[in-house]
N, C-alpha and C. Protein backbone atom coordinates (compact mmCIF):
# COMPACT_ATOMS: atom_id res chain seq x y z
N UNK A 1 -12.10 -13.67 -11.70
CA UNK A 1 -11.92 -13.87 -13.12
C UNK A 1 -11.69 -12.54 -13.82
N UNK A 2 -12.45 -11.52 -13.46
CA UNK A 2 -12.30 -10.21 -14.08
C UNK A 2 -10.95 -9.59 -13.73
N UNK A 3 -10.44 -9.85 -12.52
CA UNK A 3 -9.14 -9.33 -12.12
C UNK A 3 -8.05 -9.93 -12.99
N UNK A 4 -8.12 -11.23 -13.27
CA UNK A 4 -7.13 -11.87 -14.13
C UNK A 4 -7.13 -11.28 -15.52
N UNK A 5 -8.31 -11.00 -16.06
CA UNK A 5 -8.40 -10.38 -17.39
C UNK A 5 -7.82 -8.97 -17.36
N UNK A 6 -8.04 -8.24 -16.28
CA UNK A 6 -7.49 -6.90 -16.15
C UNK A 6 -5.97 -6.95 -16.10
N UNK A 7 -5.40 -7.90 -15.34
CA UNK A 7 -3.96 -8.03 -15.25
C UNK A 7 -3.34 -8.40 -16.59
N UNK A 8 -4.02 -9.26 -17.34
CA UNK A 8 -3.50 -9.64 -18.64
C UNK A 8 -3.56 -8.49 -19.63
N UNK A 9 -4.49 -7.58 -19.45
CA UNK A 9 -4.65 -6.45 -20.36
C UNK A 9 -3.71 -5.30 -20.01
N UNK A 10 -3.07 -5.33 -18.84
CA UNK A 10 -2.19 -4.26 -18.43
C UNK A 10 -0.87 -4.35 -19.19
N UNK A 11 -0.47 -3.29 -19.92
CA UNK A 11 0.76 -3.36 -20.70
C UNK A 11 1.98 -3.28 -19.80
N UNK A 12 3.03 -3.98 -20.17
CA UNK A 12 4.32 -3.94 -19.48
C UNK A 12 5.34 -3.48 -20.49
N UNK A 13 6.03 -2.39 -20.20
CA UNK A 13 7.00 -1.85 -21.13
C UNK A 13 8.38 -2.16 -20.62
N UNK A 14 9.14 -2.93 -21.38
CA UNK A 14 10.51 -3.27 -21.02
C UNK A 14 11.43 -2.18 -21.56
N UNK A 15 12.37 -1.75 -20.72
CA UNK A 15 13.32 -0.73 -21.11
C UNK A 15 14.71 -1.33 -21.02
N UNK A 16 15.41 -1.42 -22.15
CA UNK A 16 16.75 -2.01 -22.17
C UNK A 16 17.79 -0.94 -21.86
N UNK A 17 18.80 -1.30 -21.09
CA UNK A 17 19.90 -0.42 -20.77
C UNK A 17 21.03 -0.66 -21.75
N UNK A 18 21.96 0.28 -21.86
CA UNK A 18 23.07 0.14 -22.79
C UNK A 18 23.95 -1.05 -22.43
N UNK A 19 24.33 -1.20 -21.16
CA UNK A 19 25.22 -2.27 -20.75
C UNK A 19 24.51 -3.41 -20.03
N UNK A 20 23.32 -3.20 -19.58
CA UNK A 20 22.59 -4.22 -18.84
C UNK A 20 21.37 -4.63 -19.65
N UNK A 21 21.18 -5.91 -19.79
CA UNK A 21 20.05 -6.42 -20.55
C UNK A 21 18.99 -6.96 -19.60
N UNK A 22 17.86 -7.29 -20.14
CA UNK A 22 16.77 -7.96 -19.44
C UNK A 22 16.31 -7.20 -18.20
N UNK A 23 15.57 -6.12 -18.36
CA UNK A 23 15.03 -5.43 -17.19
C UNK A 23 14.19 -6.39 -16.36
N UNK A 24 14.32 -6.27 -15.04
CA UNK A 24 13.61 -7.19 -14.17
C UNK A 24 12.48 -6.53 -13.40
N UNK A 25 12.41 -5.22 -13.45
CA UNK A 25 11.36 -4.57 -12.67
C UNK A 25 11.06 -3.20 -13.24
N UNK A 26 9.81 -2.84 -13.20
CA UNK A 26 9.43 -1.47 -13.51
C UNK A 26 8.22 -1.13 -12.66
N UNK A 27 8.38 -0.11 -11.84
CA UNK A 27 7.30 0.34 -10.97
C UNK A 27 7.60 1.79 -10.64
N UNK A 28 6.65 2.66 -10.86
CA UNK A 28 6.82 4.08 -10.58
C UNK A 28 8.06 4.64 -11.28
N UNK A 29 8.32 4.22 -12.50
CA UNK A 29 9.42 4.69 -13.33
C UNK A 29 10.79 4.25 -12.82
N UNK A 30 10.88 3.44 -11.78
CA UNK A 30 12.15 2.87 -11.34
C UNK A 30 12.35 1.56 -12.07
N UNK A 31 13.52 1.42 -12.72
CA UNK A 31 13.82 0.21 -13.48
C UNK A 31 15.11 -0.41 -12.96
N UNK A 32 15.07 -1.71 -12.70
CA UNK A 32 16.26 -2.47 -12.30
C UNK A 32 16.58 -3.46 -13.41
N UNK A 33 17.86 -3.59 -13.74
CA UNK A 33 18.31 -4.59 -14.69
C UNK A 33 19.56 -5.23 -14.10
N UNK A 34 19.64 -6.55 -14.20
CA UNK A 34 20.75 -7.29 -13.62
C UNK A 34 21.56 -7.92 -14.74
N UNK A 35 22.88 -7.79 -14.68
CA UNK A 35 23.78 -8.47 -15.61
C UNK A 35 25.01 -8.89 -14.82
N UNK A 36 25.11 -10.18 -14.56
CA UNK A 36 26.21 -10.67 -13.74
C UNK A 36 26.12 -10.11 -12.34
N UNK A 37 27.19 -9.45 -11.89
CA UNK A 37 27.22 -8.84 -10.56
C UNK A 37 26.91 -7.34 -10.61
N UNK A 38 26.43 -6.85 -11.76
CA UNK A 38 26.13 -5.43 -11.93
C UNK A 38 24.62 -5.21 -11.92
N UNK A 39 24.21 -4.21 -11.17
CA UNK A 39 22.80 -3.81 -11.13
C UNK A 39 22.72 -2.43 -11.77
N UNK A 40 21.89 -2.30 -12.79
CA UNK A 40 21.64 -1.01 -13.43
C UNK A 40 20.32 -0.47 -12.89
N UNK A 41 20.36 0.76 -12.41
CA UNK A 41 19.18 1.38 -11.82
C UNK A 41 18.86 2.66 -12.60
N UNK A 42 17.61 2.79 -13.04
CA UNK A 42 17.17 4.00 -13.74
C UNK A 42 15.95 4.57 -13.03
N UNK A 43 15.86 5.88 -13.03
CA UNK A 43 14.68 6.55 -12.49
C UNK A 43 14.60 6.56 -10.98
N UNK A 44 15.73 6.43 -10.30
CA UNK A 44 15.70 6.37 -8.83
C UNK A 44 16.64 7.40 -8.19
N UNK A 45 16.86 8.51 -8.87
CA UNK A 45 17.76 9.53 -8.34
C UNK A 45 17.29 9.98 -6.96
N UNK A 46 18.23 10.04 -6.02
CA UNK A 46 17.91 10.44 -4.65
C UNK A 46 17.46 9.30 -3.76
N UNK A 47 17.29 8.10 -4.32
CA UNK A 47 16.85 6.93 -3.54
C UNK A 47 18.07 6.19 -2.98
N UNK A 48 17.80 5.22 -2.14
CA UNK A 48 18.82 4.34 -1.58
C UNK A 48 18.54 2.92 -2.07
N UNK A 49 19.56 2.25 -2.61
CA UNK A 49 19.45 0.84 -2.96
C UNK A 49 19.97 0.05 -1.76
N UNK A 50 19.13 -0.82 -1.23
CA UNK A 50 19.51 -1.64 -0.08
C UNK A 50 19.62 -3.09 -0.52
N UNK A 51 20.61 -3.78 0.00
CA UNK A 51 20.83 -5.19 -0.29
C UNK A 51 20.67 -5.96 1.03
N UNK A 52 19.79 -6.97 1.00
CA UNK A 52 19.51 -7.77 2.19
C UNK A 52 19.88 -9.22 1.94
N UNK A 53 20.35 -9.89 2.99
CA UNK A 53 20.53 -11.34 2.92
C UNK A 53 19.14 -11.97 2.98
N UNK A 54 19.05 -13.26 2.69
CA UNK A 54 17.75 -13.93 2.73
C UNK A 54 17.19 -14.03 4.14
N UNK A 55 18.03 -13.80 5.14
CA UNK A 55 17.55 -13.79 6.52
C UNK A 55 17.02 -12.41 6.93
N UNK A 56 17.12 -11.42 6.02
CA UNK A 56 16.60 -10.09 6.29
C UNK A 56 17.61 -9.09 6.82
N UNK A 57 18.87 -9.49 6.94
CA UNK A 57 19.92 -8.60 7.43
C UNK A 57 20.40 -7.69 6.29
N UNK A 58 20.43 -6.38 6.51
CA UNK A 58 20.94 -5.46 5.50
C UNK A 58 22.45 -5.62 5.42
N UNK A 59 22.97 -5.96 4.23
CA UNK A 59 24.40 -6.22 4.06
C UNK A 59 25.10 -5.13 3.26
N UNK A 60 24.36 -4.29 2.54
CA UNK A 60 24.97 -3.20 1.78
C UNK A 60 23.92 -2.13 1.52
N UNK A 61 24.42 -0.92 1.30
CA UNK A 61 23.54 0.22 1.01
C UNK A 61 24.29 1.14 0.05
N UNK A 62 23.59 1.58 -1.00
CA UNK A 62 24.19 2.45 -2.02
C UNK A 62 23.26 3.64 -2.26
N UNK A 63 23.82 4.85 -2.30
CA UNK A 63 23.06 6.04 -2.65
C UNK A 63 23.00 6.14 -4.16
N UNK A 64 21.82 6.42 -4.69
CA UNK A 64 21.64 6.60 -6.12
C UNK A 64 21.72 8.10 -6.37
N UNK A 65 22.83 8.55 -6.94
CA UNK A 65 23.11 9.98 -7.11
C UNK A 65 22.63 10.55 -8.44
N UNK A 66 22.37 9.69 -9.44
CA UNK A 66 21.92 10.19 -10.74
C UNK A 66 20.80 9.30 -11.26
N UNK A 67 20.23 9.67 -12.39
CA UNK A 67 19.08 8.95 -12.93
C UNK A 67 19.44 7.55 -13.44
N UNK A 68 20.63 7.38 -14.00
CA UNK A 68 21.09 6.07 -14.49
C UNK A 68 22.39 5.71 -13.81
N UNK A 69 22.37 4.62 -13.03
CA UNK A 69 23.54 4.21 -12.25
C UNK A 69 23.80 2.73 -12.47
N UNK A 70 25.09 2.37 -12.55
CA UNK A 70 25.49 0.97 -12.59
C UNK A 70 26.28 0.68 -11.32
N UNK A 71 25.83 -0.29 -10.56
CA UNK A 71 26.49 -0.65 -9.30
C UNK A 71 27.06 -2.05 -9.40
N UNK A 72 28.33 -2.21 -9.05
CA UNK A 72 28.96 -3.52 -9.05
C UNK A 72 28.81 -4.11 -7.64
N UNK A 73 28.15 -5.25 -7.55
CA UNK A 73 27.93 -5.91 -6.26
C UNK A 73 28.93 -7.02 -6.03
N UNK A 74 30.08 -6.97 -6.69
CA UNK A 74 31.10 -7.99 -6.60
C UNK A 74 31.70 -8.15 -5.21
N UNK A 75 31.53 -7.16 -4.33
CA UNK A 75 32.05 -7.25 -2.96
C UNK A 75 31.27 -8.23 -2.11
N UNK A 76 30.08 -8.59 -2.55
CA UNK A 76 29.24 -9.51 -1.78
C UNK A 76 29.67 -10.96 -2.02
N UNK A 77 29.48 -11.79 -1.02
CA UNK A 77 29.76 -13.22 -1.17
C UNK A 77 28.78 -13.84 -2.15
N UNK A 78 29.15 -14.98 -2.71
CA UNK A 78 28.23 -15.69 -3.59
C UNK A 78 26.98 -16.06 -2.83
N UNK A 79 25.83 -16.02 -3.53
CA UNK A 79 24.58 -16.40 -2.91
C UNK A 79 23.43 -15.57 -3.41
N UNK A 80 22.29 -15.71 -2.74
CA UNK A 80 21.07 -15.00 -3.09
C UNK A 80 20.87 -13.81 -2.16
N UNK A 81 20.38 -12.72 -2.74
CA UNK A 81 20.13 -11.50 -1.99
C UNK A 81 18.81 -10.88 -2.44
N UNK A 82 18.29 -10.00 -1.61
CA UNK A 82 17.12 -9.20 -1.95
C UNK A 82 17.60 -7.77 -2.11
N UNK A 83 17.24 -7.13 -3.24
CA UNK A 83 17.57 -5.72 -3.42
C UNK A 83 16.28 -4.92 -3.44
N UNK A 84 16.37 -3.72 -2.89
CA UNK A 84 15.19 -2.86 -2.79
C UNK A 84 15.58 -1.42 -3.11
N UNK A 85 14.82 -0.81 -4.03
CA UNK A 85 14.96 0.61 -4.35
C UNK A 85 13.55 1.17 -4.35
N UNK A 86 13.27 2.06 -3.42
CA UNK A 86 11.91 2.59 -3.31
C UNK A 86 10.94 1.45 -3.03
N UNK A 87 9.96 1.27 -3.91
CA UNK A 87 8.98 0.19 -3.75
C UNK A 87 9.31 -1.04 -4.58
N UNK A 88 10.41 -1.00 -5.34
CA UNK A 88 10.80 -2.11 -6.20
C UNK A 88 11.70 -3.06 -5.41
N UNK A 89 11.31 -4.33 -5.38
CA UNK A 89 12.05 -5.35 -4.64
C UNK A 89 12.28 -6.54 -5.57
N UNK A 90 13.52 -7.06 -5.60
CA UNK A 90 13.85 -8.21 -6.44
C UNK A 90 14.83 -9.13 -5.74
N UNK A 91 14.76 -10.41 -6.04
CA UNK A 91 15.73 -11.39 -5.57
C UNK A 91 16.80 -11.54 -6.65
N UNK A 92 18.07 -11.50 -6.25
CA UNK A 92 19.17 -11.65 -7.21
C UNK A 92 20.12 -12.74 -6.75
N UNK A 93 20.95 -13.18 -7.66
CA UNK A 93 21.96 -14.19 -7.36
C UNK A 93 23.32 -13.63 -7.71
N UNK A 94 24.26 -13.70 -6.77
CA UNK A 94 25.66 -13.29 -7.00
C UNK A 94 26.45 -14.58 -7.18
N UNK A 95 27.12 -14.69 -8.32
CA UNK A 95 27.88 -15.92 -8.61
C UNK A 95 29.35 -15.68 -8.64
């Protein structure tokens, strides 16, 4: 019960990107935002963004060269994927 109260009291700060809306993750200053087939990544300079199929097969890899990057994932087939940058992991849909 006390853990639930602690989690509810923990603030979550949403950071909006210029071209990408609705941030989906924030952990260790890494922020992911999804808009269509574009993934906006902030705070992950020097990291690798990995894209996995739902079966766990790595299907794409992108180097994050600057602090704010927009990646177009349009080369991927339609479907669901898992993206990972550092410790941040999210499920996305390519339509």
